């Protein structure tokens, strides 16, 4: 895959593609968020995407995803996730384990949880379920999202001139496939243990 193909795809459909990919990743729909941000940084370095628009839409995708997940956690609550949480990796056990300690470690989880796959998706829901104060959540989410987005865009920007894009794409795809396989295996083992009891 060539840089121009991906950048043309974004130019054809607009920067809204960036927002949608990152929104999906945050709410729990599988998407390679970090590698996508690194690729965006590489496009920016090669002047195929605009720095300010890419950064803005990436930030908006992340913050919109975090606020949506928070709202679902807060207003749909535990009964909703007992029924549908398994589709986004939020099992009843995960919710119970995380909810108790969320208020204690919430600040650090919101600020730096985006760097940890899995926690990135669960954290906003848990903030809503545990009724974490909204204004504090919003402030921490804005700061955490901005730092996370910019750190990966900058990484891609500086890596872009040193490593050929095809190696990055192959590595990102391989990482994403391995991540999905590991997640699927863990879920299968968890279901087998639960059925065995």
Protein backbone atom coordinates (compact mmCIF):
# COMPACT_ATOMS: atom_id res chain seq x y z
CA UNK A 1 0.00 0.00 0.00
CA UNK A 2 1.29 3.40 -0.98
CA UNK A 3 1.15 6.65 0.97
CA UNK A 4 -0.71 8.33 -1.87
CA UNK A 5 -3.51 5.71 -1.85
CA UNK A 6 -4.26 6.22 1.85
CA UNK A 7 -3.95 10.00 1.66
CA UNK A 8 -6.23 10.06 -1.44
CA UNK A 9 -8.77 8.00 0.50
CA UNK A 10 -8.70 10.59 3.29
CA UNK A 11 -8.83 13.43 0.77
CA UNK A 12 -11.76 11.77 -1.06
CA UNK A 13 -13.88 11.32 2.04
CA UNK A 14 -12.41 14.14 4.08
CA UNK A 15 -10.68 14.30 7.41
CA UNK A 16 -13.84 12.85 8.96
CA UNK A 17 -12.27 9.43 8.22
CA UNK A 18 -9.64 10.18 10.87
CA UNK A 19 -12.34 11.08 13.38
CA UNK A 20 -14.34 7.91 12.66
CA UNK A 21 -11.38 5.51 12.91
CA UNK A 22 -10.29 6.92 16.27
CA UNK A 23 -13.86 7.17 17.60
CA UNK A 24 -14.43 3.49 16.80
CA UNK A 25 -11.18 2.47 18.47
CA UNK A 26 -12.01 4.32 21.68
CA UNK A 27 -15.58 2.99 22.03
CA UNK A 28 -14.35 -0.58 21.57
CA UNK A 29 -14.82 -1.32 17.87
CA UNK A 30 -11.48 -2.84 16.76
CA UNK A 31 -9.25 -0.28 15.07
CA UNK A 32 -5.44 0.14 15.04
CA UNK A 33 -5.39 3.53 16.76
CA UNK A 34 -1.67 3.94 17.54
CA UNK A 35 -0.45 2.71 14.18
CA UNK A 36 -3.08 4.86 12.44
CA UNK A 37 -1.82 7.95 14.28
CA UNK A 38 1.78 7.07 13.39
CA UNK A 39 0.77 6.75 9.73
CA UNK A 40 -0.95 10.14 9.90
CA UNK A 41 2.25 11.63 11.29
CA UNK A 42 4.15 10.09 8.38
CA UNK A 43 1.68 11.59 5.89
CA UNK A 44 2.09 14.96 7.57
CA UNK A 45 5.90 14.69 7.31
CA UNK A 46 5.58 14.03 3.58
CA UNK A 47 3.14 16.98 3.18
CA UNK A 48 0.30 14.72 2.08
CA UNK A 49 -1.94 15.73 4.99
CA UNK A 50 -2.35 19.00 6.83
CA UNK A 51 -0.88 19.04 10.34
CA UNK A 52 -3.59 21.16 11.95
CA UNK A 53 -6.60 19.44 10.37
CA UNK A 54 -5.21 15.96 11.03
CA UNK A 55 -4.46 16.83 14.66
CA UNK A 56 -7.86 18.44 15.16
CA UNK A 57 -9.87 15.55 13.69
CA UNK A 58 -7.76 12.96 15.52
CA UNK A 59 -8.31 14.79 18.81
CA UNK A 60 -12.05 15.15 18.10
CA UNK A 61 -12.33 11.43 17.33
CA UNK A 62 -10.69 10.47 20.60
CA UNK A 63 -12.55 12.95 22.81
CA UNK A 64 -15.90 12.16 21.16
CA UNK A 65 -15.30 8.46 21.75
CA UNK A 66 -14.36 9.06 25.38
CA UNK A 67 -17.44 11.22 26.03
CA UNK A 68 -19.76 8.78 24.25
CA UNK A 69 -18.43 5.83 26.25
CA UNK A 70 -18.70 7.85 29.48
CA UNK A 71 -22.32 8.73 28.66
CA UNK A 72 -23.19 5.11 27.89
CA UNK A 73 -21.59 3.98 31.13
CA UNK A 74 -23.31 6.64 33.19
CA UNK A 75 -26.82 6.55 31.71
CA UNK A 76 -27.16 3.01 30.38
CA UNK A 77 -25.38 1.66 33.42
CA UNK A 78 -24.55 -1.81 34.57
CA UNK A 79 -27.68 -3.63 33.24
CA UNK A 80 -26.86 -2.54 29.69
CA UNK A 81 -23.28 -3.78 29.96
CA UNK A 82 -24.32 -7.03 31.60
CA UNK A 83 -26.31 -7.70 28.44
CA UNK A 84 -24.22 -6.12 25.66
CA UNK A 85 -20.77 -5.53 27.19
CA UNK A 86 -19.34 -8.77 25.84
CA UNK A 87 -19.46 -7.28 22.33
CA UNK A 88 -16.94 -4.58 23.26
CA UNK A 89 -14.90 -6.67 25.71
CA UNK A 90 -16.66 -5.49 28.87
CA UNK A 91 -17.62 -8.64 30.73
CA UNK A 92 -19.37 -8.52 34.10
CA UNK A 93 -16.16 -9.63 35.83
CA UNK A 94 -14.14 -6.80 34.27
CA UNK A 95 -16.75 -4.24 35.25
CA UNK A 96 -16.89 -5.39 38.87
CA UNK A 97 -13.11 -5.55 39.20
CA UNK A 98 -12.54 -2.09 37.74
CA UNK A 99 -15.46 -0.21 39.27
CA UNK A 100 -14.32 -0.52 42.88
CA UNK A 101 -10.90 1.01 42.36
CA UNK A 102 -11.80 3.55 39.70
CA UNK A 103 -12.27 6.50 42.02
CA UNK A 104 -8.90 5.83 43.66
CA UNK A 105 -6.86 5.65 40.46
CA UNK A 106 -9.23 7.45 38.08
CA UNK A 107 -7.03 10.50 37.51
CA UNK A 108 -4.08 8.41 36.30
CA UNK A 109 -6.31 6.03 34.38
CA UNK A 110 -7.97 8.84 32.44
CA UNK A 111 -4.71 10.73 31.80
CA UNK A 112 -2.53 7.78 30.79
CA UNK A 113 -4.98 4.92 30.10
CA UNK A 114 -5.01 5.76 26.40
CA UNK A 115 -1.49 4.31 26.12
CA UNK A 116 -2.68 0.86 27.20
CA UNK A 117 -4.81 -1.14 24.73
CA UNK A 118 -7.86 -2.59 26.46
CA UNK A 119 -7.74 -0.08 29.30
CA UNK A 120 -8.20 2.63 26.68
CA UNK A 121 -11.60 1.14 25.77
CA UNK A 122 -12.75 0.16 29.27
CA UNK A 123 -11.75 3.30 31.16
CA UNK A 124 -14.39 5.72 29.77
CA UNK A 125 -17.20 3.22 30.39
CA UNK A 126 -15.96 2.63 33.93
CA UNK A 127 -15.81 6.37 34.60
CA UNK A 128 -19.49 6.61 33.66
CA UNK A 129 -20.58 3.50 35.55
CA UNK A 130 -18.75 4.59 38.70
CA UNK A 131 -20.23 8.11 38.32
CA UNK A 132 -16.87 9.84 38.16
CA UNK A 133 -17.43 13.65 38.31
CA UNK A 134 -18.11 14.78 34.75
CA UNK A 135 -16.22 18.09 34.73
CA UNK A 136 -13.09 16.46 36.17
CA UNK A 137 -13.46 13.61 33.66
CA UNK A 138 -13.84 16.10 30.80
CA UNK A 139 -10.76 18.09 31.85
CA UNK A 140 -8.60 14.98 32.27
CA UNK A 141 -9.90 13.51 29.00
CA UNK A 142 -9.05 16.65 27.04
CA UNK A 143 -5.50 16.74 28.45
CA UNK A 144 -4.94 12.98 28.08
CA UNK A 145 -6.37 12.86 24.55
CA UNK A 146 -4.33 15.81 23.37
CA UNK A 147 -1.06 14.41 24.75
CA UNK A 148 -1.77 10.91 23.38
CA UNK A 149 -2.70 12.09 19.89
CA UNK A 150 0.23 14.49 19.59
CA UNK A 151 2.78 11.99 20.92
CA UNK A 152 1.92 9.42 18.23
CA UNK A 153 1.61 12.02 15.46
CA UNK A 154 5.04 13.39 16.39
CA UNK A 155 6.48 9.87 16.49
CA UNK A 156 5.12 9.21 13.00
CA UNK A 157 6.36 12.57 11.79
CA UNK A 158 9.96 11.86 12.82
CA UNK A 159 9.91 8.17 11.90
CA UNK A 160 8.41 8.98 8.49
CA UNK A 161 11.65 10.06 6.86
CA UNK A 162 13.72 7.22 8.31
CA UNK A 163 11.66 4.07 7.73
CA UNK A 164 9.93 3.05 4.52
CA UNK A 165 6.12 3.16 4.77
CA UNK A 166 5.60 -0.43 3.62
CA UNK A 167 7.51 -1.76 6.65
CA UNK A 168 5.39 0.34 8.99
CA UNK A 169 2.15 -0.81 7.37
CA UNK A 170 3.17 -4.48 7.43
CA UNK A 171 4.24 -4.18 11.06
CA UNK A 172 1.02 -2.40 12.04
CA UNK A 173 -1.15 -4.99 10.29
CA UNK A 174 0.82 -7.85 11.84
CA UNK A 175 0.58 -6.28 15.31
CA UNK A 176 -3.17 -5.74 14.91
CA UNK A 177 -3.79 -9.32 13.73
CA UNK A 178 -1.69 -10.76 16.59
CA UNK A 179 -3.55 -8.55 19.08
CA UNK A 180 -6.94 -9.78 17.80
CA UNK A 181 -5.81 -13.42 17.92
CA UNK A 182 -4.55 -13.10 21.50
CA UNK A 183 -7.76 -11.36 22.55
CA UNK A 184 -9.87 -14.04 20.89
CA UNK A 185 -7.88 -16.83 22.57
CA UNK A 186 -8.24 -15.19 25.99
CA UNK A 187 -11.97 -14.73 25.52
CA UNK A 188 -12.37 -18.36 24.43
CA UNK A 189 -10.44 -19.62 27.49
CA UNK A 190 -12.48 -17.38 29.78
CA UNK A 191 -15.73 -18.73 28.31
CA UNK A 192 -14.50 -22.31 28.63
CA UNK A 193 -13.64 -21.74 32.31
CA UNK A 194 -17.02 -20.15 32.95
CA UNK A 195 -18.87 -23.00 31.18
CA UNK A 196 -16.84 -25.57 33.13
CA UNK A 197 -17.96 -24.16 36.48
